[in-house]
Every structure is written in C-alpha cells, then in structure tokens.
Amino acid sequence: SNMQATVLCIFFLATAWAIPKSDFEAEFNRLYVDPLIDQIPEDVSSRITQGVEAVPHSIPFQAYLSISTNSKTSLCGGSLISPKHILTAAHCIEGAVTATMYLGAHNLLEPDNCRITLKSKTFILHENFDKSTINNDIGIIVLDQAVVLNDCVNVATLPSHDVTDVFEGANARVSGWGRTTGDGSTSPVLLQVNSTIMSNFQCRYIFATVKDTQLCLSGTGGVGSCKGDSGGPLVHGDMLIGLVSYGASGCRSGYPSGFTRITSYLSWIEEKTGLKL
C-alpha cells in the first residue's frame, strides 16, 4: 500500500549516514588536454567568481557517481534527466561494470535525509565516443528503478530542439565535488562556480581539440579545469547546456574547461531515453 511505501521510504532516508569512505576517497576520472599556449593572454579572460558552496539542495538534479570497472573505482558527476536516466560523460562510464549514484546530496561526509543511493549496471556510451580526440564525450546511466522526485531530487531542464543559441558570452554555472586545486582534496560539500562561455573560435587558440559539439568556459580568476566533476552539469539560467568533459593538463590555473554541448546531442538523448525534447 501507499502507506507502507511511505513508511519504508522514511525509514530508508533516516538511515542515510555519510557515504562510504571508499566512495569519497576514490580518484576523480578527469580528461586532460595539453594547451597550445603556455599562458593565458589577458584578452581571452573574463572576471568570474571563485567557487563557493552551493546552497544545499539548490541543484536537485546533481548526481555524485562512484563508477567501478573491473580494475578500479573512480568518481564523476552527472545530471538526472528523467526518473530513470543520469546524463554524464562517456569517459566516466567507459568499461563500467557497476555504479553507485548519490542524488539529493550536499555534504557527503554527514548524514542527510535528502540523500538517496541508487545502483546501476546499465550504461549507454555514445557509439562514436573517441577518447583520444575527446569526441562525443556523452553517456547515460540507466537506473535499476525509477527515482521518486521531490524537493531534494528532481530532473534537469534540457534545451528544446528550437534552441539555436551557441551561448557565447553567456554566464553559466558549473557544479561538483571535484578537486578545487590540482593537488587539493575532494570537497565534502557541493561547490559551484560561475563563469563566462567563450567562443569556440577563441578556445581553439588554447585547445586544438575544440569541436562544434563542445563549448568552453573561461577559467580566469583561478577557477580552472579542476572545478567540477567530469560529467557534471553546466547550466545557463535553469537550462542544462553542457557537461564537464576536459581541462588543461596539470590543472593549470586560469585555463578554460571543455564541455560537451547538450544541444548537439538532443536527438541522441531522445533516442536512448525515450524523452521528448
């Protein structure tokens, strides 16, 4: 009955302690590209705010992913795009055997009645993903069971097919628990940072890899490629427009970050999930 389900649900939530130590201490699965230039010229830059702690549960589609291959476990970010699907980077789920996903999370090291834990063994990698060229870095995790949406856990707003904006010069927010500095530790709380989307033309001066199916976020002000977890969300307004794909090798401060451009993959997302965008 519904009553039983509600009681059961409350019981499960009430026992949500800190996440397991192993799911906090694993390494983030990041892709890095060697920049074409040794330092960032001033005119490429734009002023951004430093990473700050997100208001707890203000990004209800944000997922923290612990993904295991046959040889190792690594961490990534993702976005809930339907009650059964999490969108993430292809390089996060390449070779994946199992995944543990945390939704409604904020501080990973504290009990949280909002946080739920999900499992999956079903992964959809983009058929033309190429790690060497970082092409089509997009994938989907299919949840074993549909998640119940509430104030803490909700789906992201995806662009519709009629969005033609390339978002050049737009302000966008990236969020995650990833390392805040090259040698720093994982943040226990969800962080977010706002920056400006560069033109792909400008970004190609820094990364030879930039394609039309990607977008770049300015890294000036010291918030570089380490901010945010691979596969995690890039949001403009309330629209999910990108997912974290790659950054400058060595996590050098001030370099832009590369993202998979969601508007380039709407038909692919529809085909794999049955969503109508």
Protein backbone atom coordinates (compact mmCIF):
# COMPACT_ATOMS: atom_id res chain seq x y z
CA SER A 1 0.00 0.00 0.00
CA ASN A 2 0.99 3.66 -0.28
CA MET A 3 1.14 3.99 3.49
CA GLN A 4 3.64 1.15 3.74
CA ALA A 5 5.69 2.62 0.93
CA THR A 6 5.81 5.98 2.70
CA VAL A 7 6.89 4.44 6.00
CA LEU A 8 9.52 2.36 4.22
CA CYS A 9 10.79 5.42 2.37
CA ILE A 10 11.14 7.43 5.58
CA PHE A 11 12.97 4.55 7.21
CA PHE A 12 15.44 4.34 4.33
CA LEU A 13 16.04 8.09 4.36
CA ALA A 14 16.53 8.21 8.11
CA THR A 15 19.37 5.70 7.85
CA ALA A 16 21.26 7.69 5.20
CA TRP A 17 24.52 8.32 7.05
CA ALA A 18 27.69 9.62 5.46
CA ILE A 19 28.54 7.92 2.19
CA PRO A 20 31.05 5.04 2.42
CA LYS A 21 34.66 6.16 2.82
CA SER A 22 35.64 4.30 -0.37
CA ASP A 23 33.12 6.34 -2.37
CA PHE A 24 34.65 9.57 -1.07
CA GLU A 25 38.34 8.77 -1.34
CA ALA A 26 38.45 7.39 -4.88
CA GLU A 27 40.04 9.50 -7.61
CA PHE A 28 38.02 11.69 -9.95
CA ASN A 29 38.03 10.46 -13.54
CA ARG A 30 39.29 13.51 -15.45
CA LEU A 31 40.40 14.01 -19.04
CA TYR A 32 43.20 16.48 -19.66
CA VAL A 33 44.47 18.17 -22.81
CA ASP A 34 47.84 19.87 -23.28
CA PRO A 35 47.13 23.53 -24.09
CA LEU A 36 48.68 25.07 -27.20
CA ILE A 37 49.93 28.07 -25.24
CA ASP A 38 51.94 28.35 -22.02
CA GLN A 39 49.96 31.17 -20.52
CA ILE A 40 46.57 32.71 -20.98
CA PRO A 41 46.55 36.12 -22.69
CA GLU A 42 44.56 38.76 -20.83
CA ASP A 43 42.08 39.44 -23.62
CA VAL A 44 40.78 35.87 -23.53
CA SER A 45 39.86 36.24 -19.91
CA SER A 46 36.76 37.41 -18.14
CA ARG A 47 36.14 38.04 -14.48
CA ILE A 48 34.48 35.22 -12.59
CA THR A 49 33.56 34.48 -9.01
CA GLN A 50 35.57 31.88 -7.13
CA GLY A 51 33.98 28.56 -6.34
CA VAL A 52 31.52 28.80 -3.48
CA GLU A 53 29.49 26.27 -1.57
CA ALA A 54 26.16 25.69 -3.28
CA VAL A 55 23.00 26.34 -1.28
CA PRO A 56 22.16 22.81 -0.06
CA HIS A 57 19.76 21.02 -2.45
CA SER A 58 19.53 24.02 -4.79
CA ILE A 59 20.73 21.86 -7.71
CA PRO A 60 18.35 18.90 -7.24
CA PHE A 61 19.43 17.07 -10.43
CA GLN A 62 23.12 16.97 -9.42
CA ALA A 63 24.47 13.43 -9.06
CA TYR A 64 27.64 12.14 -7.41
CA LEU A 65 28.79 8.95 -9.12
CA SER A 66 31.09 6.19 -7.95
CA ILE A 67 31.79 4.05 -11.01
CA SER A 68 33.62 0.73 -10.98
CA THR A 69 35.32 -1.00 -13.88
CA ASN A 70 36.93 -4.42 -13.48
CA SER A 71 40.13 -2.75 -12.31
CA LYS A 72 39.23 0.42 -10.40
CA THR A 73 36.64 2.74 -8.91
CA SER A 74 36.57 6.41 -9.85
CA LEU A 75 34.32 9.40 -9.26
CA CYS A 76 32.31 11.59 -11.61
CA GLY A 77 29.37 13.95 -11.67
CA GLY A 78 26.13 13.69 -13.57
CA SER A 79 22.64 15.10 -14.01
CA LEU A 80 19.30 13.38 -13.50
CA ILE A 81 17.40 13.99 -16.77
CA SER A 82 14.46 11.63 -16.15
CA PRO A 83 13.41 9.48 -13.18
CA LYS A 84 15.36 6.62 -14.80
CA HIS A 85 18.34 8.31 -16.50
CA ILE A 86 21.52 10.11 -15.45
CA LEU A 87 23.45 12.03 -18.11
CA THR A 88 27.24 12.01 -17.70
CA ALA A 89 30.48 11.96 -19.70
CA ALA A 90 31.25 8.90 -21.83
CA HIS A 91 34.76 8.70 -20.37
CA CYS A 92 33.19 8.27 -16.92
CA ILE A 93 31.32 5.10 -17.85
CA GLU A 94 33.71 3.55 -20.37
CA GLY A 95 34.31 -0.01 -19.20
CA ALA A 96 31.90 0.45 -16.28
CA VAL A 97 30.53 -2.66 -14.60
CA THR A 98 28.60 -1.12 -11.70
CA ALA A 99 27.78 2.36 -10.50
CA THR A 100 26.62 3.74 -7.17
CA MET A 101 24.84 7.08 -7.55
CA TYR A 102 24.01 9.61 -4.89
CA LEU A 103 21.17 12.06 -5.52
CA GLY A 104 19.91 14.81 -3.22
CA ALA A 105 23.42 15.03 -1.76
CA HIS A 106 25.20 18.06 -0.32
CA ASN A 107 27.77 17.25 2.36
CA LEU A 108 28.98 13.76 1.55
CA LEU A 109 30.51 13.21 4.97
CA GLU A 110 27.40 13.97 7.02
CA PRO A 111 24.03 12.25 7.48
CA ASP A 112 21.43 13.71 5.13
CA ASN A 113 17.74 12.86 4.97
CA CYS A 114 17.64 14.19 1.41
CA ARG A 115 20.32 11.92 0.00
CA ILE A 116 19.38 8.69 -1.73
CA THR A 117 21.65 5.93 -3.00
CA LEU A 118 20.98 4.14 -6.28
CA LYS A 119 22.69 1.33 -8.17
CA SER A 120 23.03 0.52 -11.84
CA LYS A 121 24.73 -1.95 -14.15
CA THR A 122 23.29 -0.45 -17.36
CA PHE A 123 25.40 2.06 -19.29
CA ILE A 124 24.86 3.69 -22.68
CA LEU A 125 28.07 5.03 -24.19
CA HIS A 126 27.86 7.22 -27.28
CA GLU A 127 28.58 4.91 -30.21
CA ASN A 128 31.17 7.31 -31.66
CA PHE A 129 32.91 8.27 -28.42
CA ASP A 130 36.63 8.66 -29.08
CA LYS A 131 38.76 9.22 -26.00
CA SER A 132 41.91 10.10 -27.98
CA THR A 133 40.23 13.03 -29.71
CA ILE A 134 37.67 13.62 -26.91
CA ASN A 135 34.82 13.35 -29.37
CA ASN A 136 31.18 12.61 -28.39
CA ASP A 137 32.01 12.51 -24.67
CA ILE A 138 28.46 11.77 -23.56
CA GLY A 139 26.77 8.79 -21.94
CA ILE A 140 23.75 7.72 -19.95
CA ILE A 141 23.34 5.57 -16.85
CA VAL A 142 20.00 3.76 -16.71
CA LEU A 143 18.78 3.39 -13.13
CA ASP A 144 17.61 -0.02 -11.89
CA GLN A 145 14.41 1.62 -10.70
CA ALA A 146 12.78 5.00 -11.27
CA VAL A 147 13.55 7.56 -8.59
CA VAL A 148 10.77 9.41 -6.76
CA LEU A 149 11.05 13.14 -7.46
CA ASN A 150 10.77 15.66 -4.60
CA ASP A 151 12.28 18.96 -3.39
CA CYS A 152 15.71 17.34 -2.97
CA VAL A 153 15.77 15.18 -6.11
CA ASN A 154 14.45 16.46 -9.42
CA VAL A 155 15.21 16.35 -13.13
CA ALA A 156 17.24 18.94 -15.03
CA THR A 157 15.67 21.12 -17.71
CA LEU A 158 17.14 20.14 -21.07
CA PRO A 159 17.12 22.52 -24.06
CA SER A 160 14.41 22.02 -26.67
CA HIS A 161 15.27 21.43 -30.34
CA ASP A 162 14.49 25.06 -31.21
CA VAL A 163 17.30 26.44 -29.02
CA THR A 164 19.78 27.84 -31.56
CA ASP A 165 21.85 29.87 -29.08
CA VAL A 166 25.56 28.97 -29.01
CA PHE A 167 25.70 30.75 -25.59
CA GLU A 168 28.80 32.75 -26.47
CA GLY A 169 29.41 35.35 -23.74
CA ALA A 170 26.65 33.88 -21.58
CA ASN A 171 27.06 33.39 -17.84
CA ALA A 172 26.96 29.75 -16.83
CA ARG A 173 27.37 27.74 -13.64
CA VAL A 174 29.29 24.51 -13.18
CA SER A 175 28.98 22.46 -10.01
CA GLY A 176 30.52 19.43 -8.39
CA TRP A 177 32.55 17.93 -5.58
CA GLY A 178 35.75 17.72 -7.63
CA ARG A 179 39.17 18.88 -6.58
CA THR A 180 39.35 22.60 -6.05
CA THR A 181 43.08 22.72 -6.84
CA GLY A 182 45.44 20.50 -8.77
CA ASP A 183 46.80 18.74 -5.71
CA GLY A 184 43.91 19.51 -3.39
CA SER A 185 41.38 17.17 -1.93
CA THR A 186 37.81 16.40 -2.89
CA SER A 187 35.33 18.83 -1.37
CA PRO A 188 32.84 17.21 1.02
CA VAL A 189 30.25 19.86 0.09
CA LEU A 190 28.83 20.64 -3.34
CA LEU A 191 30.63 23.61 -4.89
CA GLN A 192 29.54 25.85 -7.73
CA VAL A 193 31.29 28.45 -9.81
CA ASN A 194 30.01 30.98 -12.33
CA SER A 195 31.94 31.96 -15.41
CA THR A 196 31.54 33.14 -18.98
CA ILE A 197 31.22 30.91 -22.02
CA MET A 198 33.96 31.68 -24.55
CA SER A 199 33.55 31.44 -28.30
CA ASN A 200 34.84 28.15 -29.72
CA PHE A 201 37.00 30.29 -32.02
CA GLN A 202 38.81 31.78 -29.00
CA CYS A 203 39.01 28.46 -27.23
CA ARG A 204 40.73 26.81 -30.23
CA TYR A 205 43.72 29.04 -29.58
CA ILE A 206 44.12 27.18 -26.28
CA PHE A 207 42.85 23.66 -27.04
CA ALA A 208 43.30 22.20 -30.52
CA THR A 209 40.61 19.65 -29.61
CA VAL A 210 37.64 22.06 -29.54
CA LYS A 211 34.76 20.95 -31.78
CA ASP A 212 31.39 22.50 -32.62
CA THR A 213 29.77 19.85 -30.41
CA GLN A 214 31.62 21.31 -27.40
CA LEU A 215 31.73 24.59 -25.54
CA CYS A 216 34.35 26.25 -23.36
CA LEU A 217 34.01 28.02 -20.04
CA SER A 218 36.54 30.72 -19.21
CA GLY A 219 38.89 29.78 -16.37
CA THR A 220 40.16 33.21 -15.49
CA GLY A 221 40.33 34.14 -11.84
CA GLY A 222 41.99 30.88 -10.90
CA VAL A 223 38.99 28.63 -11.24
CA GLY A 224 40.47 26.24 -13.73
CA SER A 225 39.68 22.87 -15.16
CA CYS A 226 39.70 21.17 -11.77
CA LYS A 227 36.46 22.80 -10.76
CA GLY A 228 33.58 20.42 -11.10
CA ASP A 229 33.49 16.72 -11.77
CA SER A 230 33.63 15.11 -15.19
CA GLY A 231 30.10 14.56 -16.48
CA GLY A 232 28.73 17.20 -14.11
CA PRO A 233 26.30 19.93 -15.14
CA LEU A 234 26.91 23.26 -16.84
CA VAL A 235 23.76 25.37 -16.51
CA HIS A 236 22.70 28.65 -18.13
CA GLY A 237 19.64 30.14 -16.44
CA ASP A 238 17.87 26.94 -15.49
CA MET A 239 18.83 25.04 -18.64
CA LEU A 240 21.38 22.23 -18.75
CA ILE A 241 23.64 23.22 -21.66
CA GLY A 242 26.85 21.28 -21.06
CA LEU A 243 28.57 18.51 -19.18
CA VAL A 244 32.16 18.62 -17.90
CA SER A 245 34.46 16.89 -20.38
CA TYR A 246 38.09 18.02 -20.14
CA GLY A 247 40.52 20.58 -18.79
CA ALA A 248 44.12 21.70 -19.13
CA SER A 249 46.71 19.12 -18.09
CA GLY A 250 48.19 19.76 -14.67
CA CYS A 251 45.08 21.67 -13.68
CA ARG A 252 46.83 24.92 -14.52
CA SER A 253 45.08 27.93 -13.08
CA GLY A 254 43.24 30.22 -15.45
CA TYR A 255 42.76 27.81 -18.33
CA PRO A 256 39.29 27.18 -19.73
CA SER A 257 37.38 23.94 -19.33
CA GLY A 258 35.86 21.94 -22.18
CA PHE A 259 32.26 20.75 -22.07
CA THR A 260 30.08 18.51 -24.22
CA ARG A 261 27.42 20.76 -25.81
CA ILE A 262 23.99 19.35 -24.95
CA THR A 263 22.16 20.99 -27.88
CA SER A 264 24.30 18.89 -30.25
CA TYR A 265 23.01 15.66 -28.72
CA LEU A 266 19.27 16.18 -28.19
CA SER A 267 18.24 13.59 -30.80
CA TRP A 268 20.71 11.09 -29.35
CA ILE A 269 19.34 11.67 -25.83
CA GLU A 270 15.77 11.20 -27.11
CA GLU A 271 16.69 8.01 -28.95
CA LYS A 272 18.34 6.46 -25.89
CA THR A 273 15.87 7.56 -23.20
CA GLY A 274 12.51 7.91 -24.95
CA LEU A 275 12.30 11.51 -23.69
CA LYS A 276 10.62 14.06 -25.96
CA LEU A 277 12.56 17.33 -26.03
